[in-house]
Amino acid sequence: MEEPVKLAKEELVRVLRTQGDNDTADKVEASLPDEIDTEAHADELQAAGLHRTQLMAKLAGGGLGGTVAP
């Protein structure tokens, strides 16, 4: 089982908007708390269209390396 990752909602929204994914960013802003836990909020992330693998790829590509801890 993979370890949950915690990240700030504002950082995820920033990355999504930088990548041009405004629809997903809007869903994340509306449905997730300020601190996102990839395990505890997996259903909300999936509802926004983000599966864990996709989320980790987006974060890696968005330069969040320093704020995302495994």
PDB file of N, CA and C in Angstrom:
ATOM      1  N   MET A   1       0.847  -1.193   0.000  1.00  0.00           N
ATOM      2  CA  MET A   1       0.000   0.000   0.000  1.00  0.00           C
ATOM      3  C   MET A   1       0.884   1.245   0.000  1.00  0.00           C
ATOM      4  N   GLU A   2       0.491   2.218  -0.795  1.00  0.00           N
ATOM      5  CA  GLU A   2       1.278   3.433  -0.903  1.00  0.00           C
ATOM      6  C   GLU A   2       0.994   4.361   0.267  1.00  0.00           C
ATOM      7  N   GLU A   3       2.015   5.120   0.623  1.00  0.00           N
ATOM      8  CA  GLU A   3       1.874   6.086   1.703  1.00  0.00           C
ATOM      9  C   GLU A   3       1.012   7.260   1.230  1.00  0.00           C
ATOM     10  N   PRO A   4       0.155   7.784   2.103  1.00  0.00           N
ATOM     11  CA  PRO A   4      -0.621   8.965   1.708  1.00  0.00           C
ATOM     12  C   PRO A   4       0.298  10.177   1.577  1.00  0.00           C
ATOM     13  N   VAL A   5      -0.089  11.090   0.727  1.00  0.00           N
ATOM     14  CA  VAL A   5       0.654  12.322   0.524  1.00  0.00           C
ATOM     15  C   VAL A   5      -0.251  13.470   0.946  1.00  0.00           C
ATOM     16  N   LYS A   6       0.326  14.419   1.656  1.00  0.00           N
ATOM     17  CA  LYS A   6      -0.429  15.608   2.064  1.00  0.00           C
ATOM     18  C   LYS A   6       0.120  16.801   1.294  1.00  0.00           C
ATOM     19  N   LEU A   7      -0.803  17.618   0.806  1.00  0.00           N
ATOM     20  CA  LEU A   7      -0.385  18.799   0.076  1.00  0.00           C
ATOM     21  C   LEU A   7      -1.397  19.906   0.259  1.00  0.00           C
ATOM     22  N   ALA A   8      -0.938  21.115   0.028  1.00  0.00           N
ATOM     23  CA  ALA A   8      -1.810  22.282   0.163  1.00  0.00           C
ATOM     24  C   ALA A   8      -2.699  22.404  -1.068  1.00  0.00           C
ATOM     25  N   LYS A   9      -3.986  22.626  -0.836  1.00  0.00           N
ATOM     26  CA  LYS A   9      -4.933  22.780  -1.940  1.00  0.00           C
ATOM     27  C   LYS A   9      -4.496  23.904  -2.870  1.00  0.00           C
ATOM     28  N   GLU A  10      -4.043  25.019  -2.318  1.00  0.00           N
ATOM     29  CA  GLU A  10      -3.667  26.158  -3.162  1.00  0.00           C
ATOM     30  C   GLU A  10      -2.522  25.794  -4.107  1.00  0.00           C
ATOM     31  N   GLU A  11      -1.607  24.937  -3.656  1.00  0.00           N
ATOM     32  CA  GLU A  11      -0.506  24.520  -4.522  1.00  0.00           C
ATOM     33  C   GLU A  11      -1.010  23.631  -5.655  1.00  0.00           C
ATOM     34  N   LEU A  12      -1.903  22.702  -5.339  1.00  0.00           N
ATOM     35  CA  LEU A  12      -2.460  21.824  -6.364  1.00  0.00           C
ATOM     36  C   LEU A  12      -3.247  22.650  -7.382  1.00  0.00           C
ATOM     37  N   VAL A  13      -4.044  23.584  -6.907  1.00  0.00           N
ATOM     38  CA  VAL A  13      -4.823  24.436  -7.804  1.00  0.00           C
ATOM     39  C   VAL A  13      -3.884  25.243  -8.710  1.00  0.00           C
ATOM     40  N   ARG A  14      -2.809  25.766  -8.137  1.00  0.00           N
ATOM     41  CA  ARG A  14      -1.829  26.540  -8.916  1.00  0.00           C
ATOM     42  C   ARG A  14      -1.230  25.692 -10.032  1.00  0.00           C
ATOM     43  N   VAL A  15      -0.833  24.458  -9.690  1.00  0.00           N
ATOM     44  CA  VAL A  15      -0.247  23.565 -10.686  1.00  0.00           C
ATOM     45  C   VAL A  15      -1.254  23.253 -11.790  1.00  0.00           C
ATOM     46  N   LEU A  16      -2.483  22.941 -11.398  1.00  0.00           N
ATOM     47  CA  LEU A  16      -3.513  22.619 -12.389  1.00  0.00           C
ATOM     48  C   LEU A  16      -3.755  23.802 -13.328  1.00  0.00           C
ATOM     49  N   ARG A  17      -3.836  25.001 -12.775  1.00  0.00           N
ATOM     50  CA  ARG A  17      -4.074  26.180 -13.609  1.00  0.00           C
ATOM     51  C   ARG A  17      -2.868  26.452 -14.509  1.00  0.00           C
ATOM     52  N   THR A  18      -1.666  26.277 -13.996  1.00  0.00           N
ATOM     53  CA  THR A  18      -0.452  26.458 -14.792  1.00  0.00           C
ATOM     54  C   THR A  18      -0.448  25.506 -15.978  1.00  0.00           C
ATOM     55  N   GLN A  19      -0.978  24.297 -15.762  1.00  0.00           N
ATOM     56  CA  GLN A  19      -1.034  23.288 -16.817  1.00  0.00           C
ATOM     57  C   GLN A  19      -2.265  23.457 -17.704  1.00  0.00           C
ATOM     58  N   GLY A  20      -3.066  24.493 -17.448  1.00  0.00           N
ATOM     59  CA  GLY A  20      -4.236  24.772 -18.268  1.00  0.00           C
ATOM     60  C   GLY A  20      -5.461  23.935 -17.935  1.00  0.00           C
ATOM     61  N   ASP A  21      -5.426  23.262 -16.784  1.00  0.00           N
ATOM     62  CA  ASP A  21      -6.535  22.386 -16.389  1.00  0.00           C
ATOM     63  C   ASP A  21      -7.463  23.125 -15.425  1.00  0.00           C
ATOM     64  N   ASN A  22      -8.104  24.176 -15.936  1.00  0.00           N
ATOM     65  CA  ASN A  22      -8.929  25.041 -15.091  1.00  0.00           C
ATOM     66  C   ASN A  22     -10.181  24.357 -14.566  1.00  0.00           C
ATOM     67  N   ASP A  23     -10.781  23.470 -15.352  1.00  0.00           N
ATOM     68  CA  ASP A  23     -11.983  22.768 -14.889  1.00  0.00           C
ATOM     69  C   ASP A  23     -11.679  21.932 -13.647  1.00  0.00           C
ATOM     70  N   THR A  24     -10.578  21.179 -13.700  1.00  0.00           N
ATOM     71  CA  THR A  24     -10.199  20.357 -12.547  1.00  0.00           C
ATOM     72  C   THR A  24      -9.826  21.248 -11.372  1.00  0.00           C
ATOM     73  N   ALA A  25      -9.131  22.336 -11.626  1.00  0.00           N
ATOM     74  CA  ALA A  25      -8.757  23.266 -10.555  1.00  0.00           C
ATOM     75  C   ALA A  25     -10.005  23.803  -9.855  1.00  0.00           C
ATOM     76  N   ASP A  26     -11.040  24.139 -10.644  1.00  0.00           N
ATOM     77  CA  ASP A  26     -12.289  24.629 -10.057  1.00  0.00           C
ATOM     78  C   ASP A  26     -12.934  23.565  -9.174  1.00  0.00           C
ATOM     79  N   LYS A  27     -12.924  22.311  -9.629  1.00  0.00           N
ATOM     80  CA  LYS A  27     -13.508  21.211  -8.844  1.00  0.00           C
ATOM     81  C   LYS A  27     -12.737  21.008  -7.547  1.00  0.00           C
ATOM     82  N   VAL A  28     -11.412  21.059  -7.620  1.00  0.00           N
ATOM     83  CA  VAL A  28     -10.580  20.889  -6.427  1.00  0.00           C
ATOM     84  C   VAL A  28     -10.868  22.015  -5.436  1.00  0.00           C
ATOM     85  N   GLU A  29     -10.931  23.242  -5.930  1.00  0.00           N
ATOM     86  CA  GLU A  29     -11.209  24.394  -5.056  1.00  0.00           C
ATOM     87  C   GLU A  29     -12.549  24.250  -4.347  1.00  0.00           C
ATOM     88  N   ALA A  30     -13.536  23.733  -5.063  1.00  0.00           N
ATOM     89  CA  ALA A  30     -14.888  23.652  -4.515  1.00  0.00           C
ATOM     90  C   ALA A  30     -15.082  22.486  -3.548  1.00  0.00           C
ATOM     91  N   SER A  31     -14.328  21.399  -3.727  1.00  0.00           N
ATOM     92  CA  SER A  31     -14.677  20.180  -2.991  1.00  0.00           C
ATOM     93  C   SER A  31     -13.645  19.682  -1.989  1.00  0.00           C
ATOM     94  N   LEU A  32     -12.472  20.278  -1.957  1.00  0.00           N
ATOM     95  CA  LEU A  32     -11.428  19.752  -1.075  1.00  0.00           C
ATOM     96  C   LEU A  32     -11.020  20.766  -0.009  1.00  0.00           C
ATOM     97  N   PRO A  33     -10.555  20.262   1.145  1.00  0.00           N
ATOM     98  CA  PRO A  33     -10.114  21.165   2.225  1.00  0.00           C
ATOM     99  C   PRO A  33      -8.757  21.792   1.889  1.00  0.00           C
ATOM    100  N   ASP A  34      -8.315  22.723   2.731  1.00  0.00           N
ATOM    101  CA  ASP A  34      -7.049  23.423   2.487  1.00  0.00           C
ATOM    102  C   ASP A  34      -5.858  22.480   2.472  1.00  0.00           C
ATOM    103  N   GLU A  35      -5.897  21.432   3.310  1.00  0.00           N
ATOM    104  CA  GLU A  35      -4.838  20.420   3.274  1.00  0.00           C
ATOM    105  C   GLU A  35      -5.442  19.128   2.740  1.00  0.00           C
ATOM    106  N   ILE A  36      -4.887  18.669   1.647  1.00  0.00           N
ATOM    107  CA  ILE A  36      -5.394  17.468   0.990  1.00  0.00           C
ATOM    108  C   ILE A  36      -4.534  16.284   1.388  1.00  0.00           C
ATOM    109  N   ASP A  37      -5.193  15.203   1.784  1.00  0.00           N
ATOM    110  CA  ASP A  37      -4.532  13.936   2.078  1.00  0.00           C
ATOM    111  C   ASP A  37      -4.969  12.971   0.969  1.00  0.00           C
ATOM    112  N   THR A  38      -4.019  12.477   0.181  1.00  0.00           N
ATOM    113  CA  THR A  38      -4.382  11.675  -0.992  1.00  0.00           C
ATOM    114  C   THR A  38      -5.135  10.409  -0.638  1.00  0.00           C
ATOM    115  N   GLU A  39      -4.950   9.901   0.574  1.00  0.00           N
ATOM    116  CA  GLU A  39      -5.682   8.703   0.978  1.00  0.00           C
ATOM    117  C   GLU A  39      -7.063   9.070   1.516  1.00  0.00           C
ATOM    118  N   ALA A  40      -7.108  10.003   2.444  1.00  0.00           N
ATOM    119  CA  ALA A  40      -8.380  10.385   3.068  1.00  0.00           C
ATOM    120  C   ALA A  40      -9.335  11.056   2.081  1.00  0.00           C
ATOM    121  N   HIS A  41      -8.795  11.743   1.091  1.00  0.00           N
ATOM    122  CA  HIS A  41      -9.620  12.481   0.132  1.00  0.00           C
ATOM    123  C   HIS A  41      -9.608  11.850  -1.257  1.00  0.00           C
ATOM    124  N   ALA A  42      -9.308  10.562  -1.320  1.00  0.00           N
ATOM    125  CA  ALA A  42      -9.219   9.866  -2.613  1.00  0.00           C
ATOM    126  C   ALA A  42     -10.514   9.970  -3.409  1.00  0.00           C
ATOM    127  N   ASP A  43     -11.662   9.839  -2.749  1.00  0.00           N
ATOM    128  CA  ASP A  43     -12.944   9.911  -3.456  1.00  0.00           C
ATOM    129  C   ASP A  43     -13.167  11.299  -4.063  1.00  0.00           C
ATOM    130  N   GLU A  44     -12.852  12.340  -3.292  1.00  0.00           N
ATOM    131  CA  GLU A  44     -13.025  13.701  -3.796  1.00  0.00           C
ATOM    132  C   GLU A  44     -12.064  13.982  -4.949  1.00  0.00           C
ATOM    133  N   LEU A  45     -10.831  13.484  -4.837  1.00  0.00           N
ATOM    134  CA  LEU A  45      -9.859  13.669  -5.914  1.00  0.00           C
ATOM    135  C   LEU A  45     -10.324  12.964  -7.187  1.00  0.00           C
ATOM    136  N   GLN A  46     -10.840  11.736  -7.029  1.00  0.00           N
ATOM    137  CA  GLN A  46     -11.343  11.009  -8.197  1.00  0.00           C
ATOM    138  C   GLN A  46     -12.546  11.721  -8.799  1.00  0.00           C
ATOM    139  N   ALA A  47     -13.417  12.263  -7.963  1.00  0.00           N
ATOM    140  CA  ALA A  47     -14.585  12.992  -8.465  1.00  0.00           C
ATOM    141  C   ALA A  47     -14.152  14.219  -9.275  1.00  0.00           C
ATOM    142  N   ALA A  48     -13.007  14.792  -8.913  1.00  0.00           N
ATOM    143  CA  ALA A  48     -12.479  15.949  -9.649  1.00  0.00           C
ATOM    144  C   ALA A  48     -11.706  15.506 -10.890  1.00  0.00           C
ATOM    145  N   GLY A  49     -11.544  14.189 -11.055  1.00  0.00           N
ATOM    146  CA  GLY A  49     -10.852  13.670 -12.228  1.00  0.00           C
ATOM    147  C   GLY A  49      -9.381  13.396 -12.006  1.00  0.00           C
ATOM    148  N   LEU A  50      -8.963  13.340 -10.751  1.00  0.00           N
ATOM    149  CA  LEU A  50      -7.557  13.103 -10.429  1.00  0.00           C
ATOM    150  C   LEU A  50      -7.403  11.767  -9.713  1.00  0.00           C
ATOM    151  N   HIS A  51      -6.799  10.817 -10.376  1.00  0.00           N
ATOM    152  CA  HIS A  51      -6.459   9.556  -9.727  1.00  0.00           C
ATOM    153  C   HIS A  51      -5.058   9.719  -9.170  1.00  0.00           C
ATOM    154  N   ARG A  52      -4.710   8.936  -8.181  1.00  0.00           N
ATOM    155  CA  ARG A  52      -3.425   9.119  -7.500  1.00  0.00           C
ATOM    156  C   ARG A  52      -2.244   9.185  -8.469  1.00  0.00           C
ATOM    157  N   THR A  53      -2.183   8.290  -9.436  1.00  0.00           N
ATOM    158  CA  THR A  53      -1.045   8.273 -10.360  1.00  0.00           C
ATOM    159  C   THR A  53      -0.996   9.561 -11.182  1.00  0.00           C
ATOM    160  N   GLN A  54      -2.161   9.993 -11.660  1.00  0.00           N
ATOM    161  CA  GLN A  54      -2.226  11.232 -12.434  1.00  0.00           C
ATOM    162  C   GLN A  54      -1.847  12.422 -11.557  1.00  0.00           C
ATOM    163  N   LEU A  55      -2.323  12.406 -10.333  1.00  0.00           N
ATOM    164  CA  LEU A  55      -2.035  13.494  -9.407  1.00  0.00           C
ATOM    165  C   LEU A  55      -0.533  13.599  -9.161  1.00  0.00           C
ATOM    166  N   MET A  56       0.105  12.473  -8.894  1.00  0.00           N
ATOM    167  CA  MET A  56       1.537  12.489  -8.616  1.00  0.00           C
ATOM    168  C   MET A  56       2.321  12.955  -9.852  1.00  0.00           C
ATOM    169  N   ALA A  57       1.871  12.556 -11.039  1.00  0.00           N
ATOM    170  CA  ALA A  57       2.533  12.992 -12.276  1.00  0.00           C
ATOM    171  C   ALA A  57       2.392  14.503 -12.459  1.00  0.00           C
ATOM    172  N   LYS A  58       1.185  15.025 -12.194  1.00  0.00           N
ATOM    173  CA  LYS A  58       0.959  16.462 -12.328  1.00  0.00           C
ATOM    174  C   LYS A  58       1.829  17.227 -11.327  1.00  0.00           C
ATOM    175  N   LEU A  59       1.897  16.724 -10.108  1.00  0.00           N
ATOM    176  CA  LEU A  59       2.688  17.404  -9.081  1.00  0.00           C
ATOM    177  C   LEU A  59       4.170  17.382  -9.428  1.00  0.00           C
ATOM    178  N   ALA A  60       4.635  16.258  -9.920  1.00  0.00           N
ATOM    179  CA  ALA A  60       6.048  16.143 -10.292  1.00  0.00           C
ATOM    180  C   ALA A  60       6.365  17.106 -11.423  1.00  0.00           C
ATOM    181  N   GLY A  61       5.436  17.253 -12.365  1.00  0.00           N
ATOM    182  CA  GLY A  61       5.636  18.151 -13.491  1.00  0.00           C
ATOM    183  C   GLY A  61       5.439  19.613 -13.129  1.00  0.00           C
ATOM    184  N   GLY A  62       4.768  19.861 -12.025  1.00  0.00           N
ATOM    185  CA  GLY A  62       4.437  21.240 -11.651  1.00  0.00           C
ATOM    186  C   GLY A  62       5.388  21.884 -10.689  1.00  0.00           C
ATOM    187  N   GLY A  63       6.442  21.191 -10.309  1.00  0.00           N
ATOM    188  CA  GLY A  63       7.435  21.793  -9.440  1.00  0.00           C
ATOM    189  C   GLY A  63       7.037  21.873  -7.990  1.00  0.00           C
ATOM    190  N   LEU A  64       6.230  20.919  -7.512  1.00  0.00           N
ATOM    191  CA  LEU A  64       5.830  20.928  -6.113  1.00  0.00           C
ATOM    192  C   LEU A  64       6.731  20.035  -5.263  1.00  0.00           C
ATOM    193  N   GLY A  65       7.805  19.567  -5.800  1.00  0.00           N
ATOM    194  CA  GLY A  65       8.648  18.606  -5.114  1.00  0.00           C
ATOM    195  C   GLY A  65       8.954  18.943  -3.660  1.00  0.00           C
ATOM    196  N   GLY A  66       9.170  20.218  -3.359  1.00  0.00           N
ATOM    197  CA  GLY A  66       9.510  20.587  -2.011  1.00  0.00           C
ATOM    198  C   GLY A  66       8.347  20.566  -1.042  1.00  0.00           C
ATOM    199  N   THR A  67       7.124  20.603  -1.539  1.00  0.00           N
ATOM    200  CA  THR A  67       5.989  20.673  -0.630  1.00  0.00           C
ATOM    201  C   THR A  67       5.224  19.364  -0.539  1.00  0.00           C
ATOM    202  N   VAL A  68       5.582  18.405  -1.350  1.00  0.00           N
ATOM    203  CA  VAL A  68       4.894  17.108  -1.322  1.00  0.00           C
ATOM    204  C   VAL A  68       5.815  16.100  -0.667  1.00  0.00           C
ATOM    205  N   ALA A  69       5.381  15.548   0.451  1.00  0.00           N
ATOM    206  CA  ALA A  69       6.206  14.577   1.166  1.00  0.00           C
ATOM    207  C   ALA A  69       5.574  13.205   1.047  1.00  0.00           C
ATOM    208  N   PRO A  70       6.360  12.192   0.708  1.00  0.00           N
ATOM    209  CA  PRO A  70       5.803  10.829   0.600  1.00  0.00           C
ATOM    210  C   PRO A  70       5.392  10.281   1.943  1.00  0.00           C
TER     211      PRO A  70
END
